[in-house]
PDB file of N, CA and C in Angstrom:
ATOM      1  N   MET A   1      44.740 -70.698  41.068  1.00  0.00           N
ATOM      2  CA  MET A   1      43.348 -70.311  41.034  1.00  0.00           C
ATOM      3  C   MET A   1      43.256 -68.786  40.866  1.00  0.00           C
ATOM      4  N   MET A   2      42.358 -68.302  39.969  1.00  0.00           N
ATOM      5  CA  MET A   2      42.183 -66.864  39.732  1.00  0.00           C
ATOM      6  C   MET A   2      41.160 -66.309  40.709  1.00  0.00           C
ATOM      7  N   THR A   3      41.458 -65.127  41.159  1.00  0.00           N
ATOM      8  CA  THR A   3      40.493 -64.439  42.019  1.00  0.00           C
ATOM      9  C   THR A   3      39.708 -63.454  41.174  1.00  0.00           C
ATOM     10  N   VAL A   4      38.711 -62.894  41.744  1.00  0.00           N
ATOM     11  CA  VAL A   4      37.900 -61.878  41.059  1.00  0.00           C
ATOM     12  C   VAL A   4      38.761 -60.688  40.677  1.00  0.00           C
ATOM     13  N   PHE A   5      39.716 -60.335  41.521  1.00  0.00           N
ATOM     14  CA  PHE A   5      40.558 -59.169  41.269  1.00  0.00           C
ATOM     15  C   PHE A   5      41.515 -59.389  40.108  1.00  0.00           C
ATOM     16  N   ASP A   6      41.880 -60.658  39.833  1.00  0.00           N
ATOM     17  CA  ASP A   6      42.767 -60.948  38.717  1.00  0.00           C
ATOM     18  C   ASP A   6      42.107 -60.619  37.380  1.00  0.00           C
ATOM     19  N   HIS A   7      40.819 -60.741  37.281  1.00  0.00           N
ATOM     20  CA  HIS A   7      40.100 -60.425  36.050  1.00  0.00           C
ATOM     21  C   HIS A   7      40.181 -58.939  35.713  1.00  0.00           C
ATOM     22  N   PHE A   8      40.291 -58.102  36.731  1.00  0.00           N
ATOM     23  CA  PHE A   8      40.282 -56.649  36.528  1.00  0.00           C
ATOM     24  C   PHE A   8      41.657 -56.020  36.625  1.00  0.00           C
ATOM     25  N   SER A   9      42.707 -56.836  36.745  1.00  0.00           N
ATOM     26  CA  SER A   9      44.045 -56.272  36.943  1.00  0.00           C
ATOM     27  C   SER A   9      44.531 -55.487  35.726  1.00  0.00           C
ATOM     28  N   GLY A  10      44.120 -55.864  34.520  1.00  0.00           N
ATOM     29  CA  GLY A  10      44.567 -55.172  33.320  1.00  0.00           C
ATOM     30  C   GLY A  10      43.648 -54.052  32.880  1.00  0.00           C
ATOM     31  N   VAL A  11      42.562 -53.832  33.577  1.00  0.00           N
ATOM     32  CA  VAL A  11      41.588 -52.812  33.194  1.00  0.00           C
ATOM     33  C   VAL A  11      42.059 -51.456  33.671  1.00  0.00           C
ATOM     34  N   ASP A  12      42.020 -50.492  32.773  1.00  0.00           N
ATOM     35  CA  ASP A  12      42.394 -49.119  33.128  1.00  0.00           C
ATOM     36  C   ASP A  12      41.119 -48.360  33.456  1.00  0.00           C
ATOM     37  N   ALA A  13      40.836 -48.217  34.714  1.00  0.00           N
ATOM     38  CA  ALA A  13      39.619 -47.511  35.135  1.00  0.00           C
ATOM     39  C   ALA A  13      39.814 -46.019  34.954  1.00  0.00           C
ATOM     40  N   THR A  14      38.787 -45.348  34.492  1.00  0.00           N
ATOM     41  CA  THR A  14      38.836 -43.900  34.326  1.00  0.00           C
ATOM     42  C   THR A  14      38.645 -43.238  35.678  1.00  0.00           C
ATOM     43  N   PRO A  15      39.601 -42.400  36.072  1.00  0.00           N
ATOM     44  CA  PRO A  15      39.453 -41.708  37.353  1.00  0.00           C
ATOM     45  C   PRO A  15      38.227 -40.804  37.343  1.00  0.00           C
ATOM     46  N   PRO A  16      37.619 -40.566  38.490  1.00  0.00           N
ATOM     47  CA  PRO A  16      36.416 -39.718  38.554  1.00  0.00           C
ATOM     48  C   PRO A  16      36.632 -38.315  37.991  1.00  0.00           C
ATOM     49  N   THR A  17      37.842 -37.754  38.148  1.00  0.00           N
ATOM     50  CA  THR A  17      38.065 -36.401  37.636  1.00  0.00           C
ATOM     51  C   THR A  17      37.987 -36.370  36.118  1.00  0.00           C
ATOM     52  N   ARG A  18      38.464 -37.408  35.463  1.00  0.00           N
ATOM     53  CA  ARG A  18      38.365 -37.458  34.010  1.00  0.00           C
ATOM     54  C   ARG A  18      36.912 -37.548  33.564  1.00  0.00           C
ATOM     55  N   THR A  19      36.136 -38.324  34.276  1.00  0.00           N
ATOM     56  CA  THR A  19      34.716 -38.441  33.954  1.00  0.00           C
ATOM     57  C   THR A  19      34.032 -37.097  34.127  1.00  0.00           C
ATOM     58  N   ALA A  20      34.359 -36.396  35.183  1.00  0.00           N
ATOM     59  CA  ALA A  20      33.753 -35.084  35.430  1.00  0.00           C
ATOM     60  C   ALA A  20      34.134 -34.102  34.320  1.00  0.00           C
ATOM     61  N   ILE A  21      35.376 -34.173  33.880  1.00  0.00           N
ATOM     62  CA  ILE A  21      35.811 -33.290  32.807  1.00  0.00           C
ATOM     63  C   ILE A  21      35.069 -33.643  31.517  1.00  0.00           C
ATOM     64  N   SER A  22      34.912 -34.902  31.255  1.00  0.00           N
ATOM     65  CA  SER A  22      34.197 -35.325  30.052  1.00  0.00           C
ATOM     66  C   SER A  22      32.760 -34.838  30.077  1.00  0.00           C
ATOM     67  N   LEU A  23      32.105 -35.001  31.217  1.00  0.00           N
ATOM     68  CA  LEU A  23      30.719 -34.546  31.330  1.00  0.00           C
ATOM     69  C   LEU A  23      30.632 -33.038  31.204  1.00  0.00           C
ATOM     70  N   SER A  24      31.614 -32.351  31.770  1.00  0.00           N
ATOM     71  CA  SER A  24      31.629 -30.898  31.688  1.00  0.00           C
ATOM     72  C   SER A  24      31.798 -30.441  30.240  1.00  0.00           C
ATOM     73  N   SER A  25      32.712 -31.064  29.514  1.00  0.00           N
ATOM     74  CA  SER A  25      32.917 -30.672  28.112  1.00  0.00           C
ATOM     75  C   SER A  25      31.708 -31.055  27.261  1.00  0.00           C
ATOM     76  N   LEU A  26      31.067 -32.168  27.596  1.00  0.00           N
ATOM     77  CA  LEU A  26      29.858 -32.572  26.882  1.00  0.00           C
ATOM     78  C   LEU A  26      28.738 -31.558  27.111  1.00  0.00           C
ATOM     79  N   ARG A  27      28.601 -31.122  28.346  1.00  0.00           N
ATOM     80  CA  ARG A  27      27.580 -30.117  28.684  1.00  0.00           C
ATOM     81  C   ARG A  27      27.867 -28.811  27.958  1.00  0.00           C
ATOM     82  N   LYS A  28      29.146 -28.422  27.913  1.00  0.00           N
ATOM     83  CA  LYS A  28      29.526 -27.173  27.237  1.00  0.00           C
ATOM     84  C   LYS A  28      29.237 -27.291  25.738  1.00  0.00           C
ATOM     85  N   SER A  29      29.581 -28.436  25.156  1.00  0.00           N
ATOM     86  CA  SER A  29      29.339 -28.652  23.734  1.00  0.00           C
ATOM     87  C   SER A  29      27.842 -28.584  23.425  1.00  0.00           C
ATOM     88  N   PHE A  30      27.046 -29.210  24.262  1.00  0.00           N
ATOM     89  CA  PHE A  30      25.595 -29.174  24.080  1.00  0.00           C
ATOM     90  C   PHE A  30      25.086 -27.743  24.191  1.00  0.00           C
ATOM     91  N   GLY A  31      25.593 -27.005  25.167  1.00  0.00           N
ATOM     92  CA  GLY A  31      25.196 -25.612  25.347  1.00  0.00           C
ATOM     93  C   GLY A  31      25.541 -24.763  24.139  1.00  0.00           C
ATOM     94  N   GLU A  32      26.719 -24.988  23.562  1.00  0.00           N
ATOM     95  CA  GLU A  32      27.127 -24.246  22.371  1.00  0.00           C
ATOM     96  C   GLU A  32      26.209 -24.561  21.192  1.00  0.00           C
ATOM     97  N   ARG A  33      25.818 -25.816  21.057  1.00  0.00           N
ATOM     98  CA  ARG A  33      24.922 -26.192  19.967  1.00  0.00           C
ATOM     99  C   ARG A  33      23.540 -25.560  20.139  1.00  0.00           C
ATOM    100  N   VAL A  34      23.066 -25.499  21.372  1.00  0.00           N
ATOM    101  CA  VAL A  34      21.767 -24.871  21.628  1.00  0.00           C
ATOM    102  C   VAL A  34      21.846 -23.386  21.301  1.00  0.00           C
ATOM    103  N   LYS A  35      22.936 -22.737  21.706  1.00  0.00           N
ATOM    104  CA  LYS A  35      23.104 -21.309  21.396  1.00  0.00           C
ATOM    105  C   LYS A  35      23.117 -21.082  19.882  1.00  0.00           C
ATOM    106  N   MET A  36      23.826 -21.951  19.166  1.00  0.00           N
ATOM    107  CA  MET A  36      23.898 -21.803  17.711  1.00  0.00           C
ATOM    108  C   MET A  36      22.520 -22.011  17.081  1.00  0.00           C
ATOM    109  N   TRP A  37      21.759 -22.980  17.587  1.00  0.00           N
ATOM    110  CA  TRP A  37      20.413 -23.237  17.058  1.00  0.00           C
ATOM    111  C   TRP A  37      19.508 -22.032  17.297  1.00  0.00           C
ATOM    112  N   VAL A  38      19.548 -21.481  18.507  1.00  0.00           N
ATOM    113  CA  VAL A  38      18.720 -20.316  18.839  1.00  0.00           C
ATOM    114  C   VAL A  38      19.120 -19.128  17.962  1.00  0.00           C
ATOM    115  N   SER A  39      20.408 -18.958  17.779  1.00  0.00           N
ATOM    116  CA  SER A  39      20.901 -17.862  16.940  1.00  0.00           C
ATOM    117  C   SER A  39      20.431 -18.025  15.496  1.00  0.00           C
ATOM    118  N   THR A  40      20.477 -19.246  14.990  1.00  0.00           N
ATOM    119  CA  THR A  40      20.014 -19.508  13.630  1.00  0.00           C
ATOM    120  C   THR A  40      18.520 -19.243  13.502  1.00  0.00           C
ATOM    121  N   CYS A  41      17.760 -19.669  14.496  1.00  0.00           N
ATOM    122  CA  CYS A  41      16.309 -19.402  14.487  1.00  0.00           C
ATOM    123  C   CYS A  41      16.037 -17.899  14.465  1.00  0.00           C
ATOM    124  N   ALA A  42      16.792 -17.154  15.272  1.00  0.00           N
ATOM    125  CA  ALA A  42      16.608 -15.702  15.310  1.00  0.00           C
ATOM    126  C   ALA A  42      16.953 -15.073  13.965  1.00  0.00           C
ATOM    127  N   ASP A  43      18.029 -15.566  13.332  1.00  0.00           N
ATOM    128  CA  ASP A  43      18.416 -15.041  12.020  1.00  0.00           C
ATOM    129  C   ASP A  43      17.306 -15.244  10.995  1.00  0.00           C
ATOM    130  N   TYR A  44      16.759 -16.437  10.956  1.00  0.00           N
ATOM    131  CA  TYR A  44      15.730 -16.719   9.956  1.00  0.00           C
ATOM    132  C   TYR A  44      14.390 -16.066  10.295  1.00  0.00           C
ATOM    133  N   TYR A  45      14.134 -15.836  11.556  1.00  0.00           N
ATOM    134  CA  TYR A  45      12.929 -15.082  11.926  1.00  0.00           C
ATOM    135  C   TYR A  45      13.068 -13.639  11.428  1.00  0.00           C
ATOM    136  N   ALA A  46      14.260 -13.074  11.632  1.00  0.00           N
ATOM    137  CA  ALA A  46      14.508 -11.713  11.146  1.00  0.00           C
ATOM    138  C   ALA A  46      14.420 -11.659   9.623  1.00  0.00           C
ATOM    139  N   ALA A  47      14.936 -12.697   8.961  1.00  0.00           N
ATOM    140  CA  ALA A  47      14.866 -12.743   7.501  1.00  0.00           C
ATOM    141  C   ALA A  47      13.415 -12.822   7.031  1.00  0.00           C
ATOM    142  N   ALA A  48      12.609 -13.612   7.708  1.00  0.00           N
ATOM    143  CA  ALA A  48      11.197 -13.739   7.327  1.00  0.00           C
ATOM    144  C   ALA A  48      10.469 -12.404   7.493  1.00  0.00           C
ATOM    145  N   ALA A  49      10.762 -11.711   8.583  1.00  0.00           N
ATOM    146  CA  ALA A  49      10.118 -10.411   8.816  1.00  0.00           C
ATOM    147  C   ALA A  49      10.548  -9.396   7.750  1.00  0.00           C
ATOM    148  N   LEU A  50      11.835  -9.388   7.426  1.00  0.00           N
ATOM    149  CA  LEU A  50      12.337  -8.468   6.404  1.00  0.00           C
ATOM    150  C   LEU A  50      11.744  -8.805   5.040  1.00  0.00           C
ATOM    151  N   TYR A  51      11.659 -10.084   4.719  1.00  0.00           N
ATOM    152  CA  TYR A  51      11.075 -10.511   3.448  1.00  0.00           C
ATOM    153  C   TYR A  51       9.626 -10.055   3.344  1.00  0.00           C
ATOM    154  N   GLU A  52       8.864 -10.252   4.425  1.00  0.00           N
ATOM    155  CA  GLU A  52       7.450  -9.828   4.413  1.00  0.00           C
ATOM    156  C   GLU A  52       7.339  -8.330   4.161  1.00  0.00           C
ATOM    157  N   GLU A  53       8.256  -7.575   4.722  1.00  0.00           N
ATOM    158  CA  GLU A  53       8.235  -6.121   4.536  1.00  0.00           C
ATOM    159  C   GLU A  53       8.594  -5.748   3.096  1.00  0.00           C
ATOM    160  N   LEU A  54       9.627  -6.394   2.550  1.00  0.00           N
ATOM    161  CA  LEU A  54      10.105  -6.021   1.216  1.00  0.00           C
ATOM    162  C   LEU A  54       9.253  -6.569   0.079  1.00  0.00           C
ATOM    163  N   ARG A  55       8.624  -7.703   0.281  1.00  0.00           N
ATOM    164  CA  ARG A  55       7.872  -8.299  -0.832  1.00  0.00           C
ATOM    165  C   ARG A  55       6.659  -7.460  -1.227  1.00  0.00           C
ATOM    166  N   GLY A  56       6.209  -6.599  -0.333  1.00  0.00           N
ATOM    167  CA  GLY A  56       5.079  -5.729  -0.643  1.00  0.00           C
ATOM    168  C   GLY A  56       5.453  -4.505  -1.449  1.00  0.00           C
ATOM    169  N   LEU A  57       6.750  -4.269  -1.613  1.00  0.00           N
ATOM    170  CA  LEU A  57       7.197  -3.104  -2.381  1.00  0.00           C
ATOM    171  C   LEU A  57       7.037  -3.359  -3.876  1.00  0.00           C
ATOM    172  N   SER A  58       6.915  -2.275  -4.612  1.00  0.00           N
ATOM    173  CA  SER A  58       6.825  -2.388  -6.073  1.00  0.00           C
ATOM    174  C   SER A  58       8.201  -2.765  -6.628  1.00  0.00           C
ATOM    175  N   ASP A  59       8.202  -3.218  -7.866  1.00  0.00           N
ATOM    176  CA  ASP A  59       9.469  -3.561  -8.518  1.00  0.00           C
ATOM    177  C   ASP A  59      10.393  -2.345  -8.593  1.00  0.00           C
ATOM    178  N   ALA A  60       9.801  -1.149  -8.821  1.00  0.00           N
ATOM    179  CA  ALA A  60      10.600   0.076  -8.893  1.00  0.00           C
ATOM    180  C   ALA A  60      11.273   0.372  -7.551  1.00  0.00           C
ATOM    181  N   GLU A  61      10.522   0.185  -6.448  1.00  0.00           N
ATOM    182  CA  GLU A  61      11.091   0.410  -5.108  1.00  0.00           C
ATOM    183  C   GLU A  61      12.208  -0.597  -4.812  1.00  0.00           C
ATOM    184  N   LEU A  62      11.970  -1.835  -5.186  1.00  0.00           N
ATOM    185  CA  LEU A  62      13.015  -2.857  -4.980  1.00  0.00           C
ATOM    186  C   LEU A  62      14.256  -2.512  -5.796  1.00  0.00           C
ATOM    187  N   HIS A  63      14.047  -2.048  -7.040  1.00  0.00           N
ATOM    188  CA  HIS A  63      15.162  -1.678  -7.904  1.00  0.00           C
ATOM    189  C   HIS A  63      15.976  -0.543  -7.283  1.00  0.00           C
ATOM    190  N   LYS A  64      15.306   0.439  -6.665  1.00  0.00           N
ATOM    191  CA  LYS A  64      16.008   1.539  -5.984  1.00  0.00           C
ATOM    192  C   LYS A  64      16.925   1.001  -4.889  1.00  0.00           C
ATOM    193  N   ARG A  65      16.527  -0.098  -4.277  1.00  0.00           N
ATOM    194  CA  ARG A  65      17.325  -0.700  -3.198  1.00  0.00           C
ATOM    195  C   ARG A  65      18.351  -1.703  -3.731  1.00  0.00           C
ATOM    196  N   GLY A  66      18.384  -1.860  -5.041  1.00  0.00           N
ATOM    197  CA  GLY A  66      19.356  -2.772  -5.637  1.00  0.00           C
ATOM    198  C   GLY A  66      18.969  -4.232  -5.539  1.00  0.00           C
ATOM    199  N   ILE A  67      17.668  -4.477  -5.495  1.00  0.00           N
ATOM    200  CA  ILE A  67      17.161  -5.843  -5.348  1.00  0.00           C
ATOM    201  C   ILE A  67      16.168  -6.122  -6.465  1.00  0.00           C
ATOM    202  N   SER A  68      16.253  -7.315  -7.028  1.00  0.00           N
ATOM    203  CA  SER A  68      15.220  -7.713  -7.985  1.00  0.00           C
ATOM    204  C   SER A  68      14.275  -8.684  -7.274  1.00  0.00           C
ATOM    205  N   ARG A  69      13.080  -8.783  -7.761  1.00  0.00           N
ATOM    206  CA  ARG A  69      12.105  -9.683  -7.140  1.00  0.00           C
ATOM    207  C   ARG A  69      12.570 -11.141  -7.224  1.00  0.00           C
ATOM    208  N   ASP A  70      13.319 -11.469  -8.289  1.00  0.00           N
ATOM    209  CA  ASP A  70      13.816 -12.835  -8.473  1.00  0.00           C
ATOM    210  C   ASP A  70      14.820 -13.247  -7.399  1.00  0.00           C
ATOM    211  N   THR A  71      15.589 -12.301  -6.904  1.00  0.00           N
ATOM    212  CA  THR A  71      16.631 -12.628  -5.921  1.00  0.00           C
ATOM    213  C   THR A  71      16.291 -12.145  -4.516  1.00  0.00           C
ATOM    214  N   LEU A  72      15.091 -11.667  -4.330  1.00  0.00           N
ATOM    215  CA  LEU A  72      14.702 -11.091  -3.039  1.00  0.00           C
ATOM    216  C   LEU A  72      14.904 -12.060  -1.878  1.00  0.00           C
ATOM    217  N   ALA A  73      14.357 -13.245  -1.968  1.00  0.00           N
ATOM    218  CA  ALA A  73      14.451 -14.206  -0.856  1.00  0.00           C
ATOM    219  C   ALA A  73      15.902 -14.558  -0.555  1.00  0.00           C
ATOM    220  N   ARG A  74      16.697 -14.818  -1.575  1.00  0.00           N
ATOM    221  CA  ARG A  74      18.096 -15.187  -1.386  1.00  0.00           C
ATOM    222  C   ARG A  74      18.884 -14.071  -0.713  1.00  0.00           C
ATOM    223  N   LYS A  75      18.668 -12.840  -1.178  1.00  0.00           N
ATOM    224  CA  LYS A  75      19.398 -11.706  -0.600  1.00  0.00           C
ATOM    225  C   LYS A  75      18.985 -11.440   0.841  1.00  0.00           C
ATOM    226  N   VAL A  76      17.704 -11.589   1.131  1.00  0.00           N
ATOM    227  CA  VAL A  76      17.231 -11.369   2.497  1.00  0.00           C
ATOM    228  C   VAL A  76      17.840 -12.402   3.434  1.00  0.00           C
ATOM    229  N   CYS A  77      17.826 -13.678   3.039  1.00  0.00           N
ATOM    230  CA  CYS A  77      18.415 -14.733   3.881  1.00  0.00           C
ATOM    231  C   CYS A  77      19.904 -14.490   4.093  1.00  0.00           C
ATOM    232  N   LYS A  78      20.596 -14.112   3.036  1.00  0.00           N
ATOM    233  CA  LYS A  78      22.032 -13.862   3.138  1.00  0.00           C
ATOM    234  C   LYS A  78      22.327 -12.675   4.050  1.00  0.00           C
ATOM    235  N   SER A  79      21.501 -11.652   3.985  1.00  0.00           N
ATOM    236  CA  SER A  79      21.752 -10.463   4.801  1.00  0.00           C
ATOM    237  C   SER A  79      21.506 -10.727   6.295  1.00  0.00           C
ATOM    238  N   CYS A  80      20.670 -11.708   6.603  1.00  0.00           N
ATOM    239  CA  CYS A  80      20.356 -12.000   8.010  1.00  0.00           C
ATOM    240  C   CYS A  80      21.180 -13.155   8.579  1.00  0.00           C
ATOM    241  N   ASP A  81      22.006 -13.789   7.774  1.00  0.00           N
ATOM    242  CA  ASP A  81      22.784 -14.946   8.209  1.00  0.00           C
ATOM    243  C   ASP A  81      24.106 -14.487   8.839  1.00  0.00           C
ATOM    244  N   ARG A  82      24.210 -14.625  10.157  1.00  0.00           N
ATOM    245  CA  ARG A  82      25.435 -14.219  10.852  1.00  0.00           C
ATOM    246  C   ARG A  82      26.587 -15.172  10.601  1.00  0.00           C
ATOM    247  N   THR A  83      26.301 -16.410  10.175  1.00  0.00           N
ATOM    248  CA  THR A  83      27.370 -17.387   9.971  1.00  0.00           C
ATOM    249  C   THR A  83      27.975 -17.295   8.578  1.00  0.00           C
ATOM    250  N   ALA A  84      27.448 -16.458   7.704  1.00  0.00           N
ATOM    251  CA  ALA A  84      27.937 -16.367   6.340  1.00  0.00           C
ATOM    252  C   ALA A  84      29.395 -15.909   6.289  1.00  0.00           C
ATOM    253  N   GLY A  85      29.814 -15.089   7.211  1.00  0.00           N
ATOM    254  CA  GLY A  85      31.183 -14.573   7.226  1.00  0.00           C
ATOM    255  C   GLY A  85      32.171 -15.483   7.931  1.00  0.00           C
ATOM    256  N   ARG A  86      31.684 -16.559   8.536  1.00  0.00           N
ATOM    257  CA  ARG A  86      32.591 -17.444   9.298  1.00  0.00           C
ATOM    258  C   ARG A  86      33.260 -18.443   8.431  1.00  0.00           C
TER     259      ARG A  86
END
């Protein structure tokens, strides 16, 4: 006759310390993703502010800065993207 304990004899239970480590690494991973999201938001906010400032300049002023109106948005986003070098 099988007992209740015989059903669980082959089960490898995860020790509590492993669970705690898993939760800790999950929390750290989530925290890193939130930091990256906030950083990305800050980068694009800075890019939007810079774009608003530069788009009001004349074509001659933009040319002095080495920027054409056609590539203004792309260059501004690239200049504010901290992850571009990674």
